[in-house]
Amino acid sequence: METFSSKDMALKAQKKILSQMATKSVAQMFIDENSSEILDELYRVSKEYTRNRTEAQKVVKDLIKVVVKIAVLFRHNRFNDDELQLAQTFKKKLHQGAMTAISFHEVDFTFDKTILSVILKESRDILLKLVNTHLTAKSHGRINHVFNHYSDEELLTQLYNPSGSLKPHLTKICNGLNKLLEDGTL
């Protein structure tokens, strides 16, 4: 017996089309203005850290593709109860990461690269479990790429260097995270 579902086919087509169009304008359908500004700052951090515009664009594009695909899955109610529980765990871990990042920024001499790196890696692992049966290995690779990049302890050290060139970007990122926390998005 053939198991064809037009709903499944439409979802696959939507994910494919949106992944091909991972631009800022498409992302804005799923990502608010504040989050978009945070993404811009993350791009600038990556570009300055790697000194490679192409790599910086790739990591942010991968991040946008993952966010859009997960948003599509949520909008189509594709997650079962256990996965929704994982999604809540992921959201709590992101909230913890945002609070930690902001605290390290606001309170001098508290930065600990290991703590922030571990939170990001734990977030990555939870997200990979969440999308395990929904996204392809290529998307899993994108998740790894994004989280491995931003959890790099050397990048974090440079980002939190009080006299470093990345400090203005960190300030804007933390301001954006504060807004997300205040409006309950994160």
C-alpha atoms as a PDB file:
ATOM      1  CA  MET A   1       0.000   0.000   0.000  1.00  0.00           C
ATOM      2  CA  GLU A   2       1.353   3.382  -0.977  1.00  0.00           C
ATOM      3  CA  THR A   3       1.767   5.919   1.832  1.00  0.00           C
ATOM      4  CA  PHE A   4       1.418   9.222   0.047  1.00  0.00           C
ATOM      5  CA  SER A   5       0.413  12.304   1.975  1.00  0.00           C
ATOM      6  CA  SER A   6      -0.072  15.635   0.288  1.00  0.00           C
ATOM      7  CA  LYS A   7       0.391  17.324   3.665  1.00  0.00           C
ATOM      8  CA  ASP A   8       3.811  15.677   4.092  1.00  0.00           C
ATOM      9  CA  MET A   9       4.740  16.526   0.520  1.00  0.00           C
ATOM     10  CA  ALA A  10       3.727  20.169   1.025  1.00  0.00           C
ATOM     11  CA  LEU A  11       5.795  20.368   4.214  1.00  0.00           C
ATOM     12  CA  LYS A  12       8.859  18.926   2.464  1.00  0.00           C
ATOM     13  CA  ALA A  13       8.448  21.348  -0.411  1.00  0.00           C
ATOM     14  CA  GLN A  14       8.037  24.279   1.961  1.00  0.00           C
ATOM     15  CA  LYS A  15      11.186  23.358   3.919  1.00  0.00           C
ATOM     16  CA  LYS A  16      13.140  22.903   0.689  1.00  0.00           C
ATOM     17  CA  ILE A  17      11.986  26.169  -0.843  1.00  0.00           C
ATOM     18  CA  LEU A  18      12.632  28.129   2.324  1.00  0.00           C
ATOM     19  CA  SER A  19      16.089  26.622   2.765  1.00  0.00           C
ATOM     20  CA  GLN A  20      16.947  27.730  -0.771  1.00  0.00           C
ATOM     21  CA  MET A  21      15.736  31.234   0.007  1.00  0.00           C
ATOM     22  CA  ALA A  22      17.501  31.728   3.370  1.00  0.00           C
ATOM     23  CA  THR A  23      17.763  35.462   3.067  1.00  0.00           C
ATOM     24  CA  LYS A  24      17.044  38.200   5.542  1.00  0.00           C
ATOM     25  CA  SER A  25      13.661  38.946   3.940  1.00  0.00           C
ATOM     26  CA  VAL A  26      12.513  35.322   4.230  1.00  0.00           C
ATOM     27  CA  ALA A  27      13.921  35.089   7.744  1.00  0.00           C
ATOM     28  CA  GLN A  28      11.838  38.104   8.756  1.00  0.00           C
ATOM     29  CA  MET A  29       8.698  36.038   8.128  1.00  0.00           C
ATOM     30  CA  PHE A  30       9.832  33.847  11.031  1.00  0.00           C
ATOM     31  CA  ILE A  31      12.256  36.105  12.922  1.00  0.00           C
ATOM     32  CA  ASP A  32      11.371  39.443  14.517  1.00  0.00           C
ATOM     33  CA  GLU A  33      13.339  42.671  13.980  1.00  0.00           C
ATOM     34  CA  ASN A  34      15.221  42.415  17.276  1.00  0.00           C
ATOM     35  CA  SER A  35      16.344  38.853  16.514  1.00  0.00           C
ATOM     36  CA  SER A  36      17.374  39.987  13.052  1.00  0.00           C
ATOM     37  CA  GLU A  37      19.604  42.662  14.604  1.00  0.00           C
ATOM     38  CA  ILE A  38      21.171  40.025  16.872  1.00  0.00           C
ATOM     39  CA  LEU A  39      21.847  37.888  13.785  1.00  0.00           C
ATOM     40  CA  ASP A  40      23.521  40.875  12.115  1.00  0.00           C
ATOM     41  CA  GLU A  41      25.810  41.306  15.126  1.00  0.00           C
ATOM     42  CA  LEU A  42      26.581  37.582  15.215  1.00  0.00           C
ATOM     43  CA  TYR A  43      27.578  37.878  11.557  1.00  0.00           C
ATOM     44  CA  ARG A  44      29.887  40.796  12.358  1.00  0.00           C
ATOM     45  CA  VAL A  45      31.446  38.870  15.256  1.00  0.00           C
ATOM     46  CA  SER A  46      32.045  35.843  13.029  1.00  0.00           C
ATOM     47  CA  LYS A  47      33.428  37.968  10.204  1.00  0.00           C
ATOM     48  CA  GLU A  48      35.830  39.815  12.464  1.00  0.00           C
ATOM     49  CA  TYR A  49      36.844  36.675  14.372  1.00  0.00           C
ATOM     50  CA  THR A  50      37.422  34.434  11.340  1.00  0.00           C
ATOM     51  CA  ARG A  51      38.551  37.243   9.028  1.00  0.00           C
ATOM     52  CA  ASN A  52      36.562  35.367   6.422  1.00  0.00           C
ATOM     53  CA  ARG A  53      33.393  36.956   5.062  1.00  0.00           C
ATOM     54  CA  THR A  54      32.305  33.764   3.294  1.00  0.00           C
ATOM     55  CA  GLU A  55      32.554  31.667   6.461  1.00  0.00           C
ATOM     56  CA  ALA A  56      30.709  34.310   8.488  1.00  0.00           C
ATOM     57  CA  GLN A  57      27.916  34.391   5.904  1.00  0.00           C
ATOM     58  CA  LYS A  58      27.742  30.585   5.855  1.00  0.00           C
ATOM     59  CA  VAL A  59      27.393  30.225   9.621  1.00  0.00           C
ATOM     60  CA  VAL A  60      24.632  32.854   9.823  1.00  0.00           C
ATOM     61  CA  LYS A  61      22.893  31.433   6.748  1.00  0.00           C
ATOM     62  CA  ASP A  62      23.009  27.981   8.378  1.00  0.00           C
ATOM     63  CA  LEU A  63      21.508  29.494  11.537  1.00  0.00           C
ATOM     64  CA  ILE A  64      18.695  31.131   9.564  1.00  0.00           C
ATOM     65  CA  LYS A  65      17.952  27.911   7.652  1.00  0.00           C
ATOM     66  CA  VAL A  66      17.697  25.941  10.895  1.00  0.00           C
ATOM     67  CA  VAL A  67      15.447  28.539  12.545  1.00  0.00           C
ATOM     68  CA  VAL A  68      13.158  28.685   9.517  1.00  0.00           C
ATOM     69  CA  LYS A  69      12.890  24.895   9.237  1.00  0.00           C
ATOM     70  CA  ILE A  70      12.095  24.513  12.929  1.00  0.00           C
ATOM     71  CA  ALA A  71       9.491  27.283  12.651  1.00  0.00           C
ATOM     72  CA  VAL A  72       7.885  25.434   9.734  1.00  0.00           C
ATOM     73  CA  LEU A  73       7.802  22.211  11.747  1.00  0.00           C
ATOM     74  CA  PHE A  74       6.147  24.019  14.673  1.00  0.00           C
ATOM     75  CA  ARG A  75       3.595  25.719  12.431  1.00  0.00           C
ATOM     76  CA  HIS A  76       2.631  22.338  10.994  1.00  0.00           C
ATOM     77  CA  ASN A  77       2.414  20.697  14.443  1.00  0.00           C
ATOM     78  CA  ARG A  78       5.019  18.076  13.533  1.00  0.00           C
ATOM     79  CA  PHE A  79       6.408  17.573  17.030  1.00  0.00           C
ATOM     80  CA  ASN A  80       4.943  14.900  19.285  1.00  0.00           C
ATOM     81  CA  ASP A  81       4.539  15.374  23.055  1.00  0.00           C
ATOM     82  CA  ASP A  82       8.034  14.110  23.890  1.00  0.00           C
ATOM     83  CA  GLU A  83       9.535  16.413  21.273  1.00  0.00           C
ATOM     84  CA  LEU A  84       7.525  19.354  22.567  1.00  0.00           C
ATOM     85  CA  GLN A  85       8.993  18.613  25.998  1.00  0.00           C
ATOM     86  CA  LEU A  86      12.463  18.665  24.408  1.00  0.00           C
ATOM     87  CA  ALA A  87      11.569  21.985  22.783  1.00  0.00           C
ATOM     88  CA  GLN A  88      10.714  23.408  26.204  1.00  0.00           C
ATOM     89  CA  THR A  89      14.014  22.086  27.579  1.00  0.00           C
ATOM     90  CA  PHE A  90      15.814  23.703  24.651  1.00  0.00           C
ATOM     91  CA  LYS A  91      14.044  27.018  25.266  1.00  0.00           C
ATOM     92  CA  LYS A  92      15.001  26.882  28.962  1.00  0.00           C
ATOM     93  CA  LYS A  93      18.618  26.160  28.040  1.00  0.00           C
ATOM     94  CA  LEU A  94      18.646  29.098  25.596  1.00  0.00           C
ATOM     95  CA  HIS A  95      17.142  31.292  28.313  1.00  0.00           C
ATOM     96  CA  GLN A  96      19.890  30.165  30.696  1.00  0.00           C
ATOM     97  CA  GLY A  97      22.501  30.872  28.029  1.00  0.00           C
ATOM     98  CA  ALA A  98      21.111  34.355  27.368  1.00  0.00           C
ATOM     99  CA  MET A  99      21.023  35.181  31.084  1.00  0.00           C
ATOM    100  CA  THR A 100      24.577  33.894  31.491  1.00  0.00           C
ATOM    101  CA  ALA A 101      25.857  35.826  28.468  1.00  0.00           C
ATOM    102  CA  ILE A 102      24.250  39.029  29.720  1.00  0.00           C
ATOM    103  CA  SER A 103      25.528  38.524  33.259  1.00  0.00           C
ATOM    104  CA  PHE A 104      29.085  37.931  32.030  1.00  0.00           C
ATOM    105  CA  HIS A 105      28.795  41.122  29.979  1.00  0.00           C
ATOM    106  CA  GLU A 106      27.348  43.291  32.742  1.00  0.00           C
ATOM    107  CA  VAL A 107      29.425  42.093  35.705  1.00  0.00           C
ATOM    108  CA  ASP A 108      33.150  42.664  35.266  1.00  0.00           C
ATOM    109  CA  PHE A 109      35.555  39.760  35.826  1.00  0.00           C
ATOM    110  CA  THR A 110      32.834  37.077  35.885  1.00  0.00           C
ATOM    111  CA  PHE A 111      33.312  35.725  32.350  1.00  0.00           C
ATOM    112  CA  ASP A 112      34.014  31.998  32.195  1.00  0.00           C
ATOM    113  CA  LYS A 113      34.454  30.689  28.664  1.00  0.00           C
ATOM    114  CA  THR A 114      33.895  27.089  29.737  1.00  0.00           C
ATOM    115  CA  ILE A 115      30.479  27.750  31.264  1.00  0.00           C
ATOM    116  CA  LEU A 116      29.158  29.561  28.203  1.00  0.00           C
ATOM    117  CA  SER A 117      30.666  26.995  25.840  1.00  0.00           C
ATOM    118  CA  VAL A 118      29.090  24.104  27.754  1.00  0.00           C
ATOM    119  CA  ILE A 119      25.653  25.782  27.723  1.00  0.00           C
ATOM    120  CA  LEU A 120      25.877  26.234  23.949  1.00  0.00           C
ATOM    121  CA  LYS A 121      26.988  22.636  23.406  1.00  0.00           C
ATOM    122  CA  GLU A 122      24.189  21.323  25.630  1.00  0.00           C
ATOM    123  CA  SER A 123      21.727  23.462  23.653  1.00  0.00           C
ATOM    124  CA  ARG A 124      23.070  21.961  20.424  1.00  0.00           C
ATOM    125  CA  ASP A 125      22.621  18.420  21.740  1.00  0.00           C
ATOM    126  CA  ILE A 126      19.031  19.068  22.835  1.00  0.00           C
ATOM    127  CA  LEU A 127      18.198  20.655  19.476  1.00  0.00           C
ATOM    128  CA  LEU A 128      19.689  17.709  17.595  1.00  0.00           C
ATOM    129  CA  LYS A 129      17.474  15.335  19.602  1.00  0.00           C
ATOM    130  CA  LEU A 130      14.451  17.512  18.892  1.00  0.00           C
ATOM    131  CA  VAL A 131      14.888  17.489  15.124  1.00  0.00           C
ATOM    132  CA  ASN A 132      16.414  14.021  14.851  1.00  0.00           C
ATOM    133  CA  THR A 133      13.569  12.479  12.847  1.00  0.00           C
ATOM    134  CA  HIS A 134      12.402  15.669  11.144  1.00  0.00           C
ATOM    135  CA  LEU A 135      15.482  17.115   9.460  1.00  0.00           C
ATOM    136  CA  THR A 136      18.132  15.644   7.202  1.00  0.00           C
ATOM    137  CA  ALA A 137      21.739  14.903   8.058  1.00  0.00           C
ATOM    138  CA  LYS A 138      22.640  18.057   6.143  1.00  0.00           C
ATOM    139  CA  SER A 139      20.486  20.130   8.515  1.00  0.00           C
ATOM    140  CA  HIS A 140      22.036  18.334  11.487  1.00  0.00           C
ATOM    141  CA  GLY A 141      25.408  19.373  10.069  1.00  0.00           C
ATOM    142  CA  ARG A 142      24.198  22.968   9.919  1.00  0.00           C
ATOM    143  CA  ILE A 143      23.174  22.823  13.583  1.00  0.00           C
ATOM    144  CA  ASN A 144      26.596  21.446  14.505  1.00  0.00           C
ATOM    145  CA  HIS A 145      28.313  24.095  12.384  1.00  0.00           C
ATOM    146  CA  VAL A 146      26.472  26.974  14.078  1.00  0.00           C
ATOM    147  CA  PHE A 147      26.780  25.766  17.657  1.00  0.00           C
ATOM    148  CA  ASN A 148      30.375  24.570  17.293  1.00  0.00           C
ATOM    149  CA  HIS A 149      31.320  27.946  15.828  1.00  0.00           C
ATOM    150  CA  TYR A 150      29.748  30.072  18.552  1.00  0.00           C
ATOM    151  CA  SER A 151      30.780  27.758  21.406  1.00  0.00           C
ATOM    152  CA  ASP A 152      34.449  28.027  20.379  1.00  0.00           C
ATOM    153  CA  GLU A 153      36.200  29.098  23.581  1.00  0.00           C
ATOM    154  CA  GLU A 154      38.700  31.283  21.717  1.00  0.00           C
ATOM    155  CA  LEU A 155      35.888  33.152  19.977  1.00  0.00           C
ATOM    156  CA  LEU A 156      34.123  33.614  23.323  1.00  0.00           C
ATOM    157  CA  THR A 157      37.350  34.844  24.928  1.00  0.00           C
ATOM    158  CA  GLN A 158      37.813  37.459  22.230  1.00  0.00           C
ATOM    159  CA  LEU A 159      34.136  38.413  22.377  1.00  0.00           C
ATOM    160  CA  TYR A 160      34.299  39.057  26.133  1.00  0.00           C
ATOM    161  CA  ASN A 161      37.685  40.782  26.087  1.00  0.00           C
ATOM    162  CA  PRO A 162      36.903  44.143  27.794  1.00  0.00           C
ATOM    163  CA  SER A 163      39.318  46.019  25.535  1.00  0.00           C
ATOM    164  CA  GLY A 164      38.802  43.850  22.458  1.00  0.00           C
ATOM    165  CA  SER A 165      37.446  44.901  19.091  1.00  0.00           C
ATOM    166  CA  LEU A 166      34.384  42.634  19.471  1.00  0.00           C
ATOM    167  CA  LYS A 167      33.118  44.375  22.629  1.00  0.00           C
ATOM    168  CA  PRO A 168      30.718  46.753  20.774  1.00  0.00           C
ATOM    169  CA  HIS A 169      29.126  43.749  19.059  1.00  0.00           C
ATOM    170  CA  LEU A 170      28.743  41.963  22.409  1.00  0.00           C
ATOM    171  CA  THR A 171      27.015  45.019  23.843  1.00  0.00           C
ATOM    172  CA  LYS A 172      24.493  45.071  20.978  1.00  0.00           C
ATOM    173  CA  ILE A 173      23.945  41.301  21.221  1.00  0.00           C
ATOM    174  CA  CYS A 174      23.314  41.519  24.974  1.00  0.00           C
ATOM    175  CA  ASN A 175      20.971  44.493  24.518  1.00  0.00           C
ATOM    176  CA  GLY A 176      19.021  42.446  21.983  1.00  0.00           C
ATOM    177  CA  LEU A 177      18.961  39.405  24.272  1.00  0.00           C
ATOM    178  CA  ASN A 178      17.663  41.618  27.089  1.00  0.00           C
ATOM    179  CA  LYS A 179      14.788  42.749  24.843  1.00  0.00           C
ATOM    180  CA  LEU A 180      13.964  39.126  23.963  1.00  0.00           C
ATOM    181  CA  LEU A 181      13.938  38.213  27.651  1.00  0.00           C
ATOM    182  CA  GLU A 182      11.807  41.233  28.585  1.00  0.00           C
ATOM    183  CA  ASP A 183       9.140  40.501  25.972  1.00  0.00           C
ATOM    184  CA  GLY A 184       9.091  36.791  26.825  1.00  0.00           C
ATOM    185  CA  THR A 185      10.361  35.609  23.435  1.00  0.00           C
ATOM    186  CA  LEU A 186      13.301  33.861  25.053  1.00  0.00           C
END
